[in-house]
C-alpha atoms as a PDB file:
ATOM      1  CA  MET A   1       7.511  -6.900  13.513  1.00  0.00           C
ATOM      2  CA  ASN A   2       9.440  -7.503  16.688  1.00  0.00           C
ATOM      3  CA  GLY A   3       9.442  -3.944  18.020  1.00  0.00           C
ATOM      4  CA  THR A   4      13.072  -2.931  17.493  1.00  0.00           C
ATOM      5  CA  TYR A   5      13.961   0.534  16.262  1.00  0.00           C
ATOM      6  CA  SER A   6      15.371  -0.686  12.955  1.00  0.00           C
ATOM      7  CA  ASP A   7      12.274  -2.758  12.198  1.00  0.00           C
ATOM      8  CA  TYR A   8       9.872   0.129  12.745  1.00  0.00           C
ATOM      9  CA  HIS A   9      12.047   2.554  10.788  1.00  0.00           C
ATOM     10  CA  ALA A  10      12.532   0.206   7.831  1.00  0.00           C
ATOM     11  CA  ARG A  11       8.848  -0.718   7.779  1.00  0.00           C
ATOM     12  CA  ALA A  12       7.768   2.933   7.709  1.00  0.00           C
ATOM     13  CA  PHE A  13      10.075   3.699   4.795  1.00  0.00           C
ATOM     14  CA  ALA A  14       8.974   0.618   2.843  1.00  0.00           C
ATOM     15  CA  LEU A  15       5.283   1.427   3.368  1.00  0.00           C
ATOM     16  CA  MET A  16       5.769   5.019   2.206  1.00  0.00           C
ATOM     17  CA  LEU A  17       7.443   3.701  -0.932  1.00  0.00           C
ATOM     18  CA  ALA A  18       4.611   1.223  -1.523  1.00  0.00           C
ATOM     19  CA  ARG A  19       2.093   4.037  -1.128  1.00  0.00           C
ATOM     20  CA  ARG A  20       3.970   6.073  -3.757  1.00  0.00           C
ATOM     21  CA  LEU A  21       3.846   3.180  -6.200  1.00  0.00           C
ATOM     22  CA  PHE A  22       0.046   3.066  -5.940  1.00  0.00           C
ATOM     23  CA  GLU A  23      -0.941   6.700  -5.516  1.00  0.00           C
ATOM     24  CA  ALA A  24      -0.059   7.840  -9.068  1.00  0.00           C
ATOM     25  CA  PRO A  25       1.731   6.651 -12.196  1.00  0.00           C
ATOM     26  CA  LEU A  26       5.496   6.724 -11.880  1.00  0.00           C
ATOM     27  CA  ASP A  27       7.491   9.382 -13.712  1.00  0.00           C
ATOM     28  CA  ALA A  28      11.147   9.422 -14.757  1.00  0.00           C
ATOM     29  CA  THR A  29      12.183  11.822 -11.977  1.00  0.00           C
ATOM     30  CA  THR A  30      10.721   9.598  -9.262  1.00  0.00           C
ATOM     31  CA  VAL A  31      12.251   6.421 -10.673  1.00  0.00           C
ATOM     32  CA  GLU A  32      15.640   8.104 -11.018  1.00  0.00           C
ATOM     33  CA  ALA A  33      15.498   9.221  -7.385  1.00  0.00           C
ATOM     34  CA  LEU A  34      14.638   5.697  -6.305  1.00  0.00           C
ATOM     35  CA  HIS A  35      17.597   4.339  -8.239  1.00  0.00           C
ATOM     36  CA  GLU A  36      20.018   6.859  -6.741  1.00  0.00           C
ATOM     37  CA  ASP A  37      18.975   6.127  -3.176  1.00  0.00           C
ATOM     38  CA  GLY A  38      18.716   2.370  -3.625  1.00  0.00           C
ATOM     39  CA  ALA A  39      15.302   2.874  -2.106  1.00  0.00           C
ATOM     40  CA  THR A  40      13.516   0.129  -3.980  1.00  0.00           C
ATOM     41  CA  ASP A  41      15.399  -2.554  -2.038  1.00  0.00           C
ATOM     42  CA  ALA A  42      13.558  -1.293   1.050  1.00  0.00           C
ATOM     43  CA  LEU A  43      10.421  -2.988  -0.273  1.00  0.00           C
ATOM     44  CA  LEU A  44      11.985  -6.306   0.686  1.00  0.00           C
ATOM     45  CA  CYS A  45      11.619  -5.228   4.333  1.00  0.00           C
ATOM     46  CA  LEU A  46       7.880  -5.724   3.909  1.00  0.00           C
ATOM     47  CA  ASP A  47       8.186  -9.241   2.542  1.00  0.00           C
ATOM     48  CA  ASP A  48      11.123 -10.868   0.781  1.00  0.00           C
ATOM     49  CA  THR A  49       9.195 -12.948  -1.753  1.00  0.00           C
ATOM     50  CA  PRO A  50       9.668 -13.717  -5.461  1.00  0.00           C
ATOM     51  CA  ALA A  51       6.895 -11.258  -6.319  1.00  0.00           C
ATOM     52  CA  MET A  52       8.460  -8.424  -4.316  1.00  0.00           C
ATOM     53  CA  ARG A  53      11.872  -9.182  -5.787  1.00  0.00           C
ATOM     54  CA  ALA A  54      10.339  -9.036  -9.262  1.00  0.00           C
ATOM     55  CA  VAL A  55       8.907  -5.588  -8.454  1.00  0.00           C
ATOM     56  CA  VAL A  56      12.327  -4.358  -7.329  1.00  0.00           C
ATOM     57  CA  GLU A  57      13.966  -5.761 -10.463  1.00  0.00           C
ATOM     58  CA  GLN A  58      11.407  -4.184 -12.785  1.00  0.00           C
ATOM     59  CA  LEU A  59      11.865  -0.796 -11.096  1.00  0.00           C
ATOM     60  CA  ALA A  60      15.629  -1.107 -11.500  1.00  0.00           C
ATOM     61  CA  ASN A  61      15.277  -1.767 -15.228  1.00  0.00           C
ATOM     62  CA  ALA A  62      12.549   0.766 -16.006  1.00  0.00           C
ATOM     63  CA  SER A  63      13.043   2.889 -19.132  1.00  0.00           C
ATOM     64  CA  SER A  64      11.063   5.793 -20.588  1.00  0.00           C
ATOM     65  CA  ASP A  65       9.148   3.352 -22.801  1.00  0.00           C
ATOM     66  CA  THR A  66       8.455   1.171 -19.774  1.00  0.00           C
ATOM     67  CA  LEU A  67       7.093   4.135 -17.815  1.00  0.00           C
ATOM     68  CA  SER A  68       4.762   5.051 -20.665  1.00  0.00           C
ATOM     69  CA  THR A  69       3.391   1.512 -20.697  1.00  0.00           C
ATOM     70  CA  TRP A  70       3.049   1.512 -16.923  1.00  0.00           C
ATOM     71  CA  GLU A  71       1.121   4.782 -16.996  1.00  0.00           C
ATOM     72  CA  ASN A  72      -1.416   3.285 -19.391  1.00  0.00           C
ATOM     73  CA  ASP A  73      -1.602   0.150 -17.248  1.00  0.00           C
ATOM     74  CA  TYR A  74      -2.135   2.228 -14.096  1.00  0.00           C
ATOM     75  CA  MET A  75      -5.098   4.010 -15.653  1.00  0.00           C
ATOM     76  CA  ARG A  76      -6.604   0.777 -16.982  1.00  0.00           C
ATOM     77  CA  LEU A  77      -6.256  -1.038 -13.662  1.00  0.00           C
ATOM     78  CA  PHE A  78      -7.003   1.578 -11.028  1.00  0.00           C
ATOM     79  CA  VAL A  79      -8.570   4.735 -12.469  1.00  0.00           C
ATOM     80  CA  GLY A  80     -10.347   4.523 -15.817  1.00  0.00           C
ATOM     81  CA  PRO A  81     -11.795   6.363 -17.811  1.00  0.00           C
ATOM     82  CA  THR A  82     -13.655   3.086 -18.343  1.00  0.00           C
ATOM     83  CA  ALA A  83     -14.419   0.854 -15.382  1.00  0.00           C
ATOM     84  CA  PRO A  84     -11.099   0.034 -13.661  1.00  0.00           C
ATOM     85  CA  ALA A  85     -10.056  -3.596 -13.939  1.00  0.00           C
ATOM     86  CA  ALA A  86      -8.822  -3.712 -10.329  1.00  0.00           C
ATOM     87  CA  PRO A  87     -10.128  -0.791  -8.229  1.00  0.00           C
ATOM     88  CA  PHE A  88      -8.061  -0.228  -5.099  1.00  0.00           C
ATOM     89  CA  TRP A  89     -10.874   0.572  -2.658  1.00  0.00           C
ATOM     90  CA  GLU A  90     -11.873  -1.953  -0.015  1.00  0.00           C
ATOM     91  CA  SER A  91     -15.619  -1.322  -0.266  1.00  0.00           C
ATOM     92  CA  VAL A  92     -15.686  -2.342  -3.938  1.00  0.00           C
ATOM     93  CA  TYR A  93     -14.863  -5.900  -2.904  1.00  0.00           C
ATOM     94  CA  LEU A  94     -17.437  -6.112  -0.123  1.00  0.00           C
ATOM     95  CA  ASP A  95     -20.555  -5.623  -2.244  1.00  0.00           C
ATOM     96  CA  ASP A  96     -21.577  -7.148  -5.576  1.00  0.00           C
ATOM     97  CA  ARG A  97     -22.529  -3.683  -6.820  1.00  0.00           C
ATOM     98  CA  GLU A  98     -18.893  -2.537  -6.320  1.00  0.00           C
ATOM     99  CA  LEU A  99     -19.881   0.653  -4.522  1.00  0.00           C
ATOM    100  CA  LEU A 100     -17.795   3.181  -2.641  1.00  0.00           C
ATOM    101  CA  PHE A 101     -18.627   4.685   0.770  1.00  0.00           C
ATOM    102  CA  LEU A 102     -20.085   1.597   2.396  1.00  0.00           C
ATOM    103  CA  PRO A 103     -20.163   1.186   6.209  1.00  0.00           C
ATOM    104  CA  SER A 104     -16.671  -0.322   5.978  1.00  0.00           C
ATOM    105  CA  THR A 105     -15.421   3.036   4.671  1.00  0.00           C
ATOM    106  CA  SER A 106     -16.873   4.756   7.726  1.00  0.00           C
ATOM    107  CA  ASP A 107     -15.116   2.251   9.958  1.00  0.00           C
ATOM    108  CA  VAL A 108     -11.806   2.933   8.223  1.00  0.00           C
ATOM    109  CA  ARG A 109     -12.367   6.663   8.738  1.00  0.00           C
ATOM    110  CA  ARG A 110     -13.144   6.080  12.421  1.00  0.00           C
ATOM    111  CA  ILE A 111      -9.911   4.127  12.898  1.00  0.00           C
ATOM    112  CA  TYR A 112      -7.892   6.876  11.212  1.00  0.00           C
ATOM    113  CA  GLU A 113      -9.516   9.517  13.381  1.00  0.00           C
ATOM    114  CA  SER A 114      -8.954   7.477  16.550  1.00  0.00           C
ATOM    115  CA  GLU A 115      -5.227   7.918  15.868  1.00  0.00           C
ATOM    116  CA  GLY A 116      -5.610  11.615  15.058  1.00  0.00           C
ATOM    117  CA  LEU A 117      -5.441  11.226  11.282  1.00  0.00           C
ATOM    118  CA  GLN A 118      -7.758  12.451   8.568  1.00  0.00           C
ATOM    119  CA  VAL A 119      -7.715  12.039   4.784  1.00  0.00           C
ATOM    120  CA  ALA A 120      -7.495  15.447   3.133  1.00  0.00           C
ATOM    121  CA  ALA A 121     -10.321  16.011   0.677  1.00  0.00           C
ATOM    122  CA  ALA A 122      -9.086  17.148  -2.722  1.00  0.00           C
ATOM    123  CA  ALA A 123     -11.849  17.768  -5.249  1.00  0.00           C
ATOM    124  CA  GLY A 124     -14.881  16.770  -3.241  1.00  0.00           C
ATOM    125  CA  ARG A 125     -15.140  13.929  -0.794  1.00  0.00           C
ATOM    126  CA  GLU A 126     -12.596  11.140  -1.136  1.00  0.00           C
ATOM    127  CA  ALA A 127     -13.099   7.546  -0.023  1.00  0.00           C
ATOM    128  CA  GLU A 128     -10.725   6.787   2.827  1.00  0.00           C
ATOM    129  CA  ASP A 129     -10.508   3.061   2.137  1.00  0.00           C
ATOM    130  CA  SER A 130      -8.196   3.278  -0.892  1.00  0.00           C
ATOM    131  CA  LEU A 131      -5.010   1.239  -0.791  1.00  0.00           C
ATOM    132  CA  PRO A 132      -2.732   4.323  -0.966  1.00  0.00           C
ATOM    133  CA  HIS A 133      -4.514   5.825   2.065  1.00  0.00           C
ATOM    134  CA  MET A 134      -4.286   2.532   3.945  1.00  0.00           C
ATOM    135  CA  LEU A 135      -0.568   2.193   3.240  1.00  0.00           C
ATOM    136  CA  ASP A 136      -0.082   5.789   4.366  1.00  0.00           C
ATOM    137  CA  PHE A 137      -1.890   5.007   7.617  1.00  0.00           C
ATOM    138  CA  LEU A 138       0.319   1.969   8.255  1.00  0.00           C
ATOM    139  CA  ALA A 139       3.430   4.017   7.466  1.00  0.00           C
ATOM    140  CA  THR A 140       2.349   6.713   9.925  1.00  0.00           C
ATOM    141  CA  LEU A 141       1.784   4.121  12.653  1.00  0.00           C
ATOM    142  CA  ALA A 142       5.237   2.656  12.012  1.00  0.00           C
ATOM    143  CA  GLN A 143       6.828   6.131  12.143  1.00  0.00           C
ATOM    144  CA  ARG A 144       5.123   6.835  15.451  1.00  0.00           C
ATOM    145  CA  ALA A 145       6.128   3.436  16.817  1.00  0.00           C
ATOM    146  CA  ASP A 146       9.708   4.183  15.800  1.00  0.00           C
ATOM    147  CA  ALA A 147       9.595   7.523  17.631  1.00  0.00           C
ATOM    148  CA  ALA A 148       8.039   5.908  20.702  1.00  0.00           C
ATOM    149  CA  GLU A 149      10.699   3.208  20.738  1.00  0.00           C
ATOM    150  CA  GLN A 150      13.472   5.791  20.517  1.00  0.00           C
ATOM    151  CA  ALA A 151      11.901   7.661  23.430  1.00  0.00           C
ATOM    152  CA  GLY A 152      11.865   4.474  25.495  1.00  0.00           C
ATOM    153  CA  ASN A 153       8.080   4.196  25.390  1.00  0.00           C
ATOM    154  CA  THR A 154       7.877   0.507  24.528  1.00  0.00           C
ATOM    155  CA  ALA A 155       4.245   0.245  25.576  1.00  0.00           C
ATOM    156  CA  GLU A 156       3.162   2.902  23.071  1.00  0.00           C
ATOM    157  CA  ALA A 157       5.252   1.314  20.308  1.00  0.00           C
ATOM    158  CA  GLU A 158       3.606  -2.029  20.969  1.00  0.00           C
ATOM    159  CA  ARG A 159       0.147  -0.433  21.061  1.00  0.00           C
ATOM    160  CA  LEU A 160       0.721   1.146  17.665  1.00  0.00           C
ATOM    161  CA  ALA A 161       1.992  -2.142  16.265  1.00  0.00           C
ATOM    162  CA  GLN A 162      -1.192  -3.810  17.485  1.00  0.00           C
ATOM    163  CA  VAL A 163      -3.363  -1.101  15.915  1.00  0.00           C
ATOM    164  CA  SER A 164      -1.536  -1.745  12.647  1.00  0.00           C
ATOM    165  CA  ALA A 165      -1.979  -5.518  12.854  1.00  0.00           C
ATOM    166  CA  ASN A 166      -5.675  -5.208  13.698  1.00  0.00           C
ATOM    167  CA  PHE A 167      -6.227  -2.820  10.794  1.00  0.00           C
ATOM    168  CA  GLU A 168      -4.464  -5.122   8.347  1.00  0.00           C
ATOM    169  CA  ARG A 169      -6.521  -8.064   9.537  1.00  0.00           C
ATOM    170  CA  LYS A 170      -9.870  -6.290   9.439  1.00  0.00           C
ATOM    171  CA  HIS A 171      -9.557  -3.980   6.438  1.00  0.00           C
ATOM    172  CA  MET A 172      -6.821  -5.275   4.127  1.00  0.00           C
ATOM    173  CA  ALA A 173      -6.383  -9.057   4.261  1.00  0.00           C
ATOM    174  CA  ASN A 174     -10.088  -9.460   3.462  1.00  0.00           C
ATOM    175  CA  TRP A 175      -9.906  -8.009  -0.078  1.00  0.00           C
ATOM    176  CA  LEU A 176      -6.299  -7.729  -1.284  1.00  0.00           C
ATOM    177  CA  PRO A 177      -6.134 -11.331  -2.612  1.00  0.00           C
ATOM    178  CA  THR A 178      -9.166 -10.695  -4.861  1.00  0.00           C
ATOM    179  CA  PHE A 179      -7.704  -7.343  -5.870  1.00  0.00           C
ATOM    180  CA  ALA A 180      -4.444  -9.052  -6.881  1.00  0.00           C
ATOM    181  CA  THR A 181      -6.313 -11.737  -8.805  1.00  0.00           C
ATOM    182  CA  ARG A 182      -8.255  -9.143 -10.775  1.00  0.00           C
ATOM    183  CA  ALA A 183      -5.061  -7.276 -11.607  1.00  0.00           C
ATOM    184  CA  ALA A 184      -3.418 -10.511 -12.755  1.00  0.00           C
ATOM    185  CA  LYS A 185      -6.281 -11.178 -15.191  1.00  0.00           C
ATOM    186  CA  ALA A 186      -6.146  -7.720 -16.775  1.00  0.00           C
ATOM    187  CA  PRO A 187      -4.501  -7.258 -20.215  1.00  0.00           C
ATOM    188  CA  VAL A 188      -1.570  -5.210 -18.938  1.00  0.00           C
ATOM    189  CA  SER A 189       2.201  -5.611 -18.572  1.00  0.00           C
ATOM    190  CA  PRO A 190       3.498  -7.520 -15.508  1.00  0.00           C
ATOM    191  CA  PHE A 191       4.587  -4.644 -13.241  1.00  0.00           C
ATOM    192  CA  TYR A 192       1.354  -3.618 -11.518  1.00  0.00           C
ATOM    193  CA  PRO A 193      -0.138  -7.116 -11.250  1.00  0.00           C
ATOM    194  CA  THR A 194       3.126  -8.259  -9.660  1.00  0.00           C
ATOM    195  CA  LEU A 195       3.065  -5.284  -7.294  1.00  0.00           C
ATOM    196  CA  CYS A 196      -0.527  -6.073  -6.306  1.00  0.00           C
ATOM    197  CA  GLN A 197       0.432  -9.684  -5.617  1.00  0.00           C
ATOM    198  CA  ALA A 198       3.487  -8.630  -3.601  1.00  0.00           C
ATOM    199  CA  ILE A 199       1.518  -6.244  -1.383  1.00  0.00           C
ATOM    200  CA  SER A 200      -1.260  -8.781  -0.875  1.00  0.00           C
ATOM    201  CA  GLU A 201       1.299 -11.386   0.185  1.00  0.00           C
ATOM    202  CA  ALA A 202       3.073  -8.909   2.477  1.00  0.00           C
ATOM    203  CA  ILE A 203      -0.138  -8.043   4.322  1.00  0.00           C
ATOM    204  CA  ALA A 204      -1.133 -11.713   4.562  1.00  0.00           C
ATOM    205  CA  ALA A 205       2.275 -12.504   6.076  1.00  0.00           C
ATOM    206  CA  GLU A 206       1.868  -9.723   8.642  1.00  0.00           C
ATOM    207  CA  VAL A 207      -1.561 -10.971   9.664  1.00  0.00           C
ATOM    208  CA  VAL A 208      -0.321 -14.471  10.513  1.00  0.00           C
ATOM    209  CA  ARG A 209       2.718 -13.323  12.502  1.00  0.00           C
END
C-alpha cells in the first residue's frame, strides 16, 4: 500500500467484503447486492491472483443451489456442529491441542484496544483472534488511514499502515497458510477453500511488500 487516498479507500472496502464472506454463510439478498454494485471485483484490490479471480467468478455465478451448498460447506469448515475442518481462529494453529484463548488471543485484544477498538461480546465471551475480527480490524485501520490522508495527516496514515502491516506479520501470516491447507483438504465444494487460499496469499503478499 503506497499511502494514496484511492489505495486506502479501496483496501478498506475490499477488507470489509472479505470479512462479510467469512463472518456468516452468504444468502441470496447479500449476493444479489454484491452483483448489483459490482462489489466483488473490489476483492482484486487485495491481491489480483488466480485464486482471488476464481472467488470473484464463483460469486458472480452463484445460484440458490450453490448458496445452499456453500452454507453446508461453511458449517463444516468453520463452525460445526462436529469439529470444524478449518477453524478460523489464530490460537487453534499455535497449539497442538487446538485451544482458544491462548496468550496470542490476549495480544490480539491488546492491539485492538491500543487503537481504541473492542470486539463486542454476543452470547458470552468471544475470541478476538477470529479471521472475521482480524479482517474487520484491518478494514478499520484502512478507513482511518483514508480519513487521515484526506485531512492531510500523512504521518497518521503511515502510522496506521504500519500498525496494519505489523499485525498481519505477527498474527495472520503465521497461521493462514495452514488454515488454507486444511480447508483445501476438506470434502467441500471449491468456493471456501479457494477463498481461504486467496486471503492467505493476499496477506502473505502484504507482509513482503
